[in-house]
Protein backbone atom coordinates (compact mmCIF):
# COMPACT_ATOMS: atom_id res chain seq x y z
CA MET A 1 -114.75 -88.18 -43.21
CA ARG A 2 -114.42 -84.67 -44.63
CA ASN A 3 -112.94 -83.41 -41.35
CA LEU A 4 -110.40 -86.27 -41.41
CA ARG A 5 -109.37 -85.37 -44.97
CA LYS A 6 -108.96 -81.71 -43.97
CA LEU A 7 -106.85 -82.72 -40.97
CA LEU A 8 -104.61 -84.94 -43.09
CA THR A 9 -104.20 -82.20 -45.71
CA ALA A 10 -103.24 -79.69 -43.03
CA MET A 11 -100.69 -82.09 -41.55
CA ILE A 12 -99.12 -82.69 -44.97
CA LEU A 13 -98.84 -78.94 -45.58
CA VAL A 14 -97.20 -78.41 -42.19
CA ILE A 15 -94.68 -81.20 -42.83
CA ALA A 16 -93.89 -79.79 -46.30
CA CYS A 17 -93.31 -76.33 -44.84
CA VAL A 18 -90.97 -77.74 -42.20
CA VAL A 19 -88.98 -79.62 -44.87
CA VAL A 20 -88.72 -76.52 -47.10
CA MET A 21 -87.70 -74.35 -44.14
CA SER A 22 -85.08 -76.93 -43.13
CA VAL A 23 -83.56 -77.07 -46.65
CA THR A 24 -83.69 -73.28 -46.99
CA ALA A 25 -82.02 -72.85 -43.61
CA GLN A 26 -79.01 -74.79 -44.88
CA ALA A 27 -78.40 -72.40 -47.78
CA GLU A 28 -76.10 -69.56 -46.75
CA SER A 29 -74.01 -66.94 -48.56
CA GLU A 30 -70.60 -65.51 -47.80
CA GLY A 31 -68.15 -63.52 -49.92
CA GLY A 32 -69.69 -64.27 -53.30
CA PHE A 33 -70.42 -67.94 -52.59
CA THR A 34 -73.70 -69.65 -51.77
CA TYR A 35 -73.25 -72.92 -49.93
CA LYS A 36 -75.08 -75.60 -48.01
CA VAL A 37 -73.89 -77.59 -45.03
CA SER A 38 -73.86 -81.38 -45.10
CA GLU A 39 -74.70 -83.75 -42.27
CA GLU A 40 -70.94 -84.09 -41.79
CA ASP A 41 -70.72 -80.33 -41.11
CA LYS A 42 -68.89 -79.59 -44.36
CA ALA A 43 -69.69 -76.92 -46.92
CA CYS A 44 -70.70 -77.58 -50.53
CA ILE A 45 -70.57 -74.51 -52.78
CA THR A 46 -73.75 -74.43 -54.83
CA TYR A 47 -73.49 -71.06 -56.59
CA TYR A 48 -70.92 -68.38 -57.32
CA HIS A 49 -72.07 -64.76 -57.56
CA GLY A 50 -68.77 -62.88 -57.41
CA ASP A 51 -67.18 -60.46 -59.86
CA GLY A 52 -64.71 -62.82 -61.54
CA GLY A 53 -61.06 -61.98 -62.23
CA ASP A 54 -58.63 -63.78 -59.92
CA VAL A 55 -60.76 -65.97 -57.65
CA THR A 56 -59.55 -67.85 -54.58
CA VAL A 57 -62.16 -70.15 -53.10
CA PRO A 58 -61.88 -70.02 -49.29
CA ALA A 59 -61.05 -73.12 -47.29
CA THR A 60 -64.00 -72.46 -44.97
CA LEU A 61 -67.40 -70.84 -45.30
CA GLY A 62 -69.35 -69.97 -42.18
CA GLY A 63 -66.75 -71.86 -40.21
CA TYR A 64 -67.37 -75.06 -42.17
CA PRO A 65 -64.59 -76.64 -44.28
CA VAL A 66 -65.28 -76.57 -48.02
CA ASP A 67 -65.06 -80.10 -49.41
CA VAL A 68 -67.33 -80.04 -52.50
CA ILE A 69 -67.89 -77.76 -55.48
CA GLY A 70 -71.47 -78.62 -56.39
CA ASN A 71 -73.24 -79.22 -59.69
CA ASN A 72 -73.21 -76.15 -61.98
CA ALA A 73 -71.81 -74.02 -59.15
CA PHE A 74 -69.72 -71.73 -61.38
CA SER A 75 -71.07 -72.56 -64.82
CA PHE A 76 -73.72 -69.82 -64.92
CA ASN A 77 -71.83 -66.90 -63.38
CA GLY A 78 -68.17 -67.82 -63.69
CA ARG A 79 -67.46 -66.71 -67.23
CA ASN A 80 -65.43 -63.70 -66.01
CA ILE A 81 -63.06 -65.78 -63.90
CA VAL A 82 -59.49 -65.53 -65.20
CA LYS A 83 -57.49 -67.37 -62.54
CA LEU A 84 -58.92 -69.88 -60.09
CA THR A 85 -57.40 -71.31 -56.92
CA LEU A 86 -59.24 -74.07 -55.09
CA PRO A 87 -58.57 -74.75 -51.38
CA GLU A 88 -56.87 -77.60 -49.60
CA GLY A 89 -59.55 -79.78 -48.05
CA LEU A 90 -61.61 -79.87 -51.23
CA THR A 91 -62.22 -83.49 -52.27
CA THR A 92 -64.85 -83.37 -55.01
CA ILE A 93 -65.69 -81.26 -58.05
CA GLU A 94 -69.15 -82.24 -59.22
CA TYR A 95 -70.97 -82.27 -62.55
CA ASN A 96 -70.64 -79.20 -64.76
CA ALA A 97 -69.06 -77.20 -61.94
CA PHE A 98 -66.92 -74.93 -64.17
CA ASN A 99 -68.41 -75.67 -67.58
CA MET A 100 -68.09 -72.75 -69.99
CA CYS A 101 -65.81 -70.70 -67.75
CA ASP A 102 -64.30 -69.67 -71.06
CA ALA A 103 -62.09 -66.77 -69.84
CA MET A 104 -60.25 -68.94 -67.33
CA THR A 105 -56.56 -69.29 -68.18
CA GLU A 106 -55.27 -70.89 -65.00
CA VAL A 107 -56.59 -73.40 -62.44
CA LYS A 108 -54.78 -74.54 -59.29
CA LEU A 109 -56.18 -77.78 -57.88
CA PRO A 110 -55.49 -78.92 -54.29
CA THR A 111 -53.70 -82.11 -53.28
CA SER A 112 -56.76 -83.11 -51.26
CA LEU A 113 -58.81 -83.50 -54.47
CA ARG A 114 -59.99 -87.04 -55.27
CA THR A 115 -62.73 -86.79 -57.90
CA ILE A 116 -63.28 -84.53 -60.92
CA GLY A 117 -66.86 -84.99 -62.09
CA LYS A 118 -68.52 -85.16 -65.47
CA ASN A 119 -68.24 -82.04 -67.65
CA ALA A 120 -66.47 -80.27 -64.78
CA PHE A 121 -64.21 -78.08 -66.97
CA GLU A 122 -65.78 -78.67 -70.36
CA LYS A 123 -65.45 -75.78 -72.85
CA CYS A 124 -62.97 -73.83 -70.76
CA TYR A 125 -61.62 -72.41 -74.00
CA ALA A 126 -58.83 -70.22 -72.57
CA LEU A 127 -57.23 -72.95 -70.45
CA THR A 128 -53.79 -73.91 -71.84
CA GLU A 129 -52.40 -76.22 -69.15
CA ILE A 130 -53.75 -78.28 -66.28
CA VAL A 131 -51.91 -80.22 -63.57
CA ILE A 132 -54.06 -82.91 -61.97
CA PRO A 133 -52.57 -83.36 -58.48
CA GLU A 134 -51.46 -86.58 -56.87
CA GLY A 135 -54.42 -88.10 -55.06
CA VAL A 136 -57.00 -87.75 -57.81
CA VAL A 137 -58.36 -91.19 -58.73
CA SER A 138 -61.16 -90.38 -61.17
CA ILE A 139 -61.69 -87.94 -64.06
CA GLY A 140 -65.30 -88.00 -65.25
CA ASP A 141 -66.89 -88.11 -68.69
CA ASN A 142 -66.26 -84.94 -70.73
CA ALA A 143 -64.39 -83.42 -67.78
CA PHE A 144 -62.03 -81.42 -70.02
CA ALA A 145 -63.75 -81.92 -73.38
CA SER A 146 -63.58 -79.15 -75.96
CA CYS A 147 -60.91 -77.20 -74.11
CA ARG A 148 -59.68 -76.20 -77.53
CA ASN A 149 -56.55 -74.32 -76.38
CA LEU A 150 -55.40 -76.89 -73.84
CA GLU A 151 -51.84 -77.91 -74.77
CA LYS A 152 -50.48 -79.80 -71.78
CA VAL A 153 -52.04 -82.13 -69.21
CA THR A 154 -50.20 -83.71 -66.28
CA LEU A 155 -51.85 -86.81 -64.84
CA PRO A 156 -50.96 -88.27 -61.40
CA ALA A 157 -49.81 -91.78 -60.53
CA SER A 158 -52.89 -92.12 -58.30
CA LEU A 159 -55.25 -91.93 -61.28
CA ARG A 160 -57.35 -95.03 -62.00
CA THR A 161 -60.22 -93.93 -64.26
CA ILE A 162 -60.45 -91.57 -67.25
CA GLY A 163 -64.04 -91.11 -68.40
CA MET A 164 -65.63 -91.07 -71.84
CA CYS A 165 -64.63 -88.08 -73.97
CA ALA A 166 -62.66 -86.73 -71.00
CA PHE A 167 -60.17 -84.87 -73.24
CA SER A 168 -61.88 -85.14 -76.62
CA GLU A 169 -61.66 -82.31 -79.13
CA ASN A 170 -58.69 -80.70 -77.39
CA TYR A 171 -57.26 -79.62 -80.71
CA LYS A 172 -53.95 -78.26 -79.34
CA LEU A 173 -53.21 -81.02 -76.83
CA LYS A 174 -49.74 -82.33 -77.62
CA ASP A 175 -48.28 -83.35 -74.28
CA ILE A 176 -49.95 -86.04 -72.14
CA SER A 177 -48.69 -89.24 -70.53
CA ILE A 178 -51.09 -91.89 -69.25
CA PRO A 179 -49.60 -93.17 -65.98
CA GLU A 180 -49.12 -96.80 -65.03
CA GLY A 181 -51.95 -97.64 -62.65
CA VAL A 182 -54.80 -96.39 -64.82
CA THR A 183 -57.22 -99.28 -65.30
CA ASP A 184 -60.18 -97.79 -67.20
CA ILE A 185 -60.22 -95.34 -70.11
CA GLY A 186 -63.62 -94.49 -71.56
CA GLY A 187 -64.68 -94.33 -75.18
CA SER A 188 -63.46 -91.37 -77.25
CA ALA A 189 -61.38 -90.16 -74.29
CA PHE A 190 -58.83 -88.51 -76.60
CA SER A 191 -60.67 -88.47 -79.91
CA LYS A 192 -59.90 -85.59 -82.29
CA CYS A 193 -56.84 -84.50 -80.30
CA VAL A 194 -55.25 -83.60 -83.60
CA ALA A 195 -51.97 -82.24 -82.18
CA LEU A 196 -50.97 -85.50 -80.46
CA THR A 197 -48.00 -87.17 -82.15
CA GLU A 198 -47.17 -90.04 -79.79
CA ILE A 199 -49.02 -92.03 -77.15
CA SER A 200 -48.31 -94.98 -74.86
CA ILE A 201 -51.00 -97.12 -73.26
CA PRO A 202 -49.78 -98.68 -69.98
CA GLY A 203 -50.17 -102.36 -69.22
CA SER A 204 -52.34 -101.64 -66.17
CA VAL A 205 -55.29 -100.74 -68.42
CA THR A 206 -57.89 -103.51 -68.38
CA ASN A 207 -60.71 -101.61 -70.05
CA LEU A 208 -60.10 -99.51 -73.16
CA GLY A 209 -63.09 -97.68 -74.64
CA VAL A 210 -64.06 -97.62 -78.30
CA ASN A 211 -62.92 -94.75 -80.54
CA MET A 212 -60.43 -93.69 -77.88
CA PHE A 213 -57.95 -92.01 -80.25
CA GLU A 214 -60.16 -91.78 -83.31
CA ALA A 215 -59.27 -89.01 -85.78
CA CYS A 216 -56.04 -88.01 -84.01
CA ASN A 217 -54.80 -87.03 -87.44
CA ASN A 218 -51.19 -86.26 -86.51
CA LEU A 219 -50.56 -89.28 -84.31
CA LEU A 220 -47.35 -90.91 -85.57
CA LYS A 221 -46.34 -93.48 -83.00
CA VAL A 222 -48.27 -95.81 -80.68
CA ASN A 223 -46.84 -98.09 -78.01
CA ILE A 224 -49.17 -100.51 -76.26
CA ALA A 225 -47.53 -102.04 -73.19
CA GLU A 226 -47.45 -105.64 -72.05
CA GLY A 227 -50.61 -106.50 -70.14
CA VAL A 228 -53.18 -105.09 -72.56
CA THR A 229 -55.29 -107.93 -74.00
CA VAL A 230 -57.99 -106.31 -76.18
CA LEU A 231 -57.95 -103.39 -78.60
CA PRO A 232 -61.58 -102.25 -78.93
CA SER A 233 -63.43 -101.08 -82.00
CA SER A 234 -62.14 -98.00 -83.82
CA LEU A 235 -59.43 -97.44 -81.21
CA PHE A 236 -57.14 -95.67 -83.71
CA ALA A 237 -59.55 -95.27 -86.61
CA SER A 238 -58.75 -92.44 -89.03
CA CYS A 239 -55.34 -91.75 -87.50
CA SER A 240 -54.18 -91.01 -91.01
CA GLU A 241 -50.53 -90.21 -90.18
CA LEU A 242 -49.86 -93.23 -87.96
CA THR A 243 -46.72 -95.05 -89.12
CA GLU A 244 -45.45 -97.01 -86.12
CA VAL A 245 -47.41 -99.41 -83.88
CA THR A 246 -46.04 -101.73 -81.21
CA LEU A 247 -48.44 -104.44 -80.04
CA PRO A 248 -47.85 -106.46 -76.82
CA SER A 249 -47.40 -110.21 -76.61
CA THR A 250 -50.36 -110.31 -74.19
CA LEU A 251 -52.76 -109.15 -76.90
CA LYS A 252 -55.62 -111.54 -77.73
CA GLU A 253 -57.99 -109.53 -79.90
CA VAL A 254 -57.91 -106.62 -82.35
CA GLY A 255 -61.41 -105.13 -82.56
CA GLY A 256 -63.35 -104.13 -85.63
CA SER A 257 -62.04 -101.01 -87.41
CA ALA A 258 -59.35 -100.65 -84.74
CA PHE A 259 -56.85 -99.27 -87.29
CA ARG A 260 -59.23 -98.51 -90.13
CA GLY A 261 -58.15 -95.54 -92.20
CA CYS A 262 -54.56 -95.49 -90.90
CA SER A 263 -53.49 -94.76 -94.44
CA ARG A 264 -49.74 -94.28 -93.74
CA LEU A 265 -49.21 -97.52 -91.82
CA LYS A 266 -46.85 -99.74 -93.82
CA GLU A 267 -46.32 -102.82 -91.69
CA ILE A 268 -47.69 -104.55 -88.62
CA VAL A 269 -46.63 -107.52 -86.48
CA ILE A 270 -49.52 -109.56 -85.03
CA PRO A 271 -48.37 -111.15 -81.72
CA ALA A 272 -48.52 -114.90 -81.07
CA GLY A 273 -51.41 -114.69 -78.59
CA VAL A 274 -53.88 -113.00 -80.92
CA LYS A 275 -56.94 -115.18 -81.59
CA ARG A 276 -59.19 -112.77 -83.47
CA ILE A 277 -58.99 -109.80 -85.82
CA GLY A 278 -62.34 -108.03 -86.21
CA ASN A 279 -64.19 -106.72 -89.24
CA TYR A 280 -62.31 -103.97 -91.10
CA ALA A 281 -59.67 -103.88 -88.35
CA PHE A 282 -57.08 -102.72 -90.88
CA GLY A 283 -59.48 -101.62 -93.59
CA SER A 284 -58.40 -98.74 -95.84
CA CYS A 285 -54.78 -98.94 -94.66
CA TYR A 286 -53.74 -98.02 -98.18
CA SER A 287 -49.96 -98.09 -97.51
CA LEU A 288 -49.89 -101.43 -95.70
CA THR A 289 -47.49 -103.74 -97.55
CA ASN A 290 -46.32 -106.29 -94.98
CA ILE A 291 -48.13 -108.21 -92.23
CA GLN A 292 -46.24 -110.63 -90.03
CA PHE A 293 -48.36 -113.12 -88.09
CA LEU A 294 -46.65 -114.72 -85.10
CA CYS A 295 -49.89 -116.54 -84.22
CA LYS A 296 -51.59 -119.72 -85.38
CA GLY A 297 -55.27 -120.56 -85.72
CA ILE A 298 -56.36 -116.95 -85.86
CA ASP A 299 -59.96 -115.93 -86.67
CA ILE A 300 -59.82 -113.18 -89.29
CA GLN A 301 -63.21 -111.53 -89.75
CA ALA A 302 -64.68 -110.27 -93.02
CA GLY A 303 -63.07 -107.16 -94.45
CA ALA A 304 -60.24 -107.18 -91.91
CA PHE A 305 -57.82 -105.99 -94.62
CA TYR A 306 -60.34 -104.39 -96.95
CA GLN A 307 -58.84 -101.90 -99.43
CA CYS A 308 -55.28 -102.65 -98.36
CA VAL A 309 -54.40 -102.15 -102.02
CA ARG A 310 -50.61 -102.30 -101.62
CA LEU A 311 -50.50 -105.40 -99.47
CA GLU A 312 -47.80 -107.67 -100.85
CA LYS A 313 -46.68 -110.01 -98.11
CA PHE A 314 -48.27 -112.18 -95.41
CA THR A 315 -45.85 -114.04 -93.18
CA PHE A 316 -47.06 -116.94 -91.00
CA PRO A 317 -45.14 -119.07 -88.48
């Protein structure tokens, strides 16, 4: 019995060594990049150990096409990168890939790119502009969060998903257009983007996250296109300078606190299809004087117009 146990233990150790050797054999280095080769014979960069400055990631490593920037690949040793060019053929930027590359002022993304992962460019403080190329379909959670000097973002028509907090706390962001075709925008995606003055939500969006534009303190004008049916909780909460809102006829529900604290908003037209207005939806809209309801049989929840101290006129059909 003891001999059998020893034999089994020895076999397990041999198998473990073979597995480790196999994994290790896949890790190679070339020109400041460590990479591994996938079963599809493509290279995934796992670590950058170059000198920074102007960095051009090669299209091939060891003869294998580079198609993935792996998790954390540049986040530990990429803080001296100033300009970054990524190669054609690259399809995926994974989690945290360039997080805290805080000297980087310029990034050129390839047209082959399809997915930008979670936290991929978070806290890239020196970045002022980013062009997301046509072909990208998904921007992950926190992908460009806290890029505090980012002023302009160009999004492609191919885009379908914008993750939670994707552009949150971009304090200088003032130029962004959400393209028709986007279907999902995560919670707090643009929260605390205090330089934004105008935004349009396209009718293709079927899932809007909570707090999406919360505390965008200089947002003046909002246009929500035909097709949108639900405004979630706290969507525009604490947008204290908001004065103009256009709601679509397709709208069915205004969520709780959706416009709470929009203290400059003076009037609002509630479309005919709206069936429910949530708790505190327009709470603390201190300048609101006129509400025109085009709908009948609406469910107005408690506190929906709480502290609307200047409200003078309700109009019903």
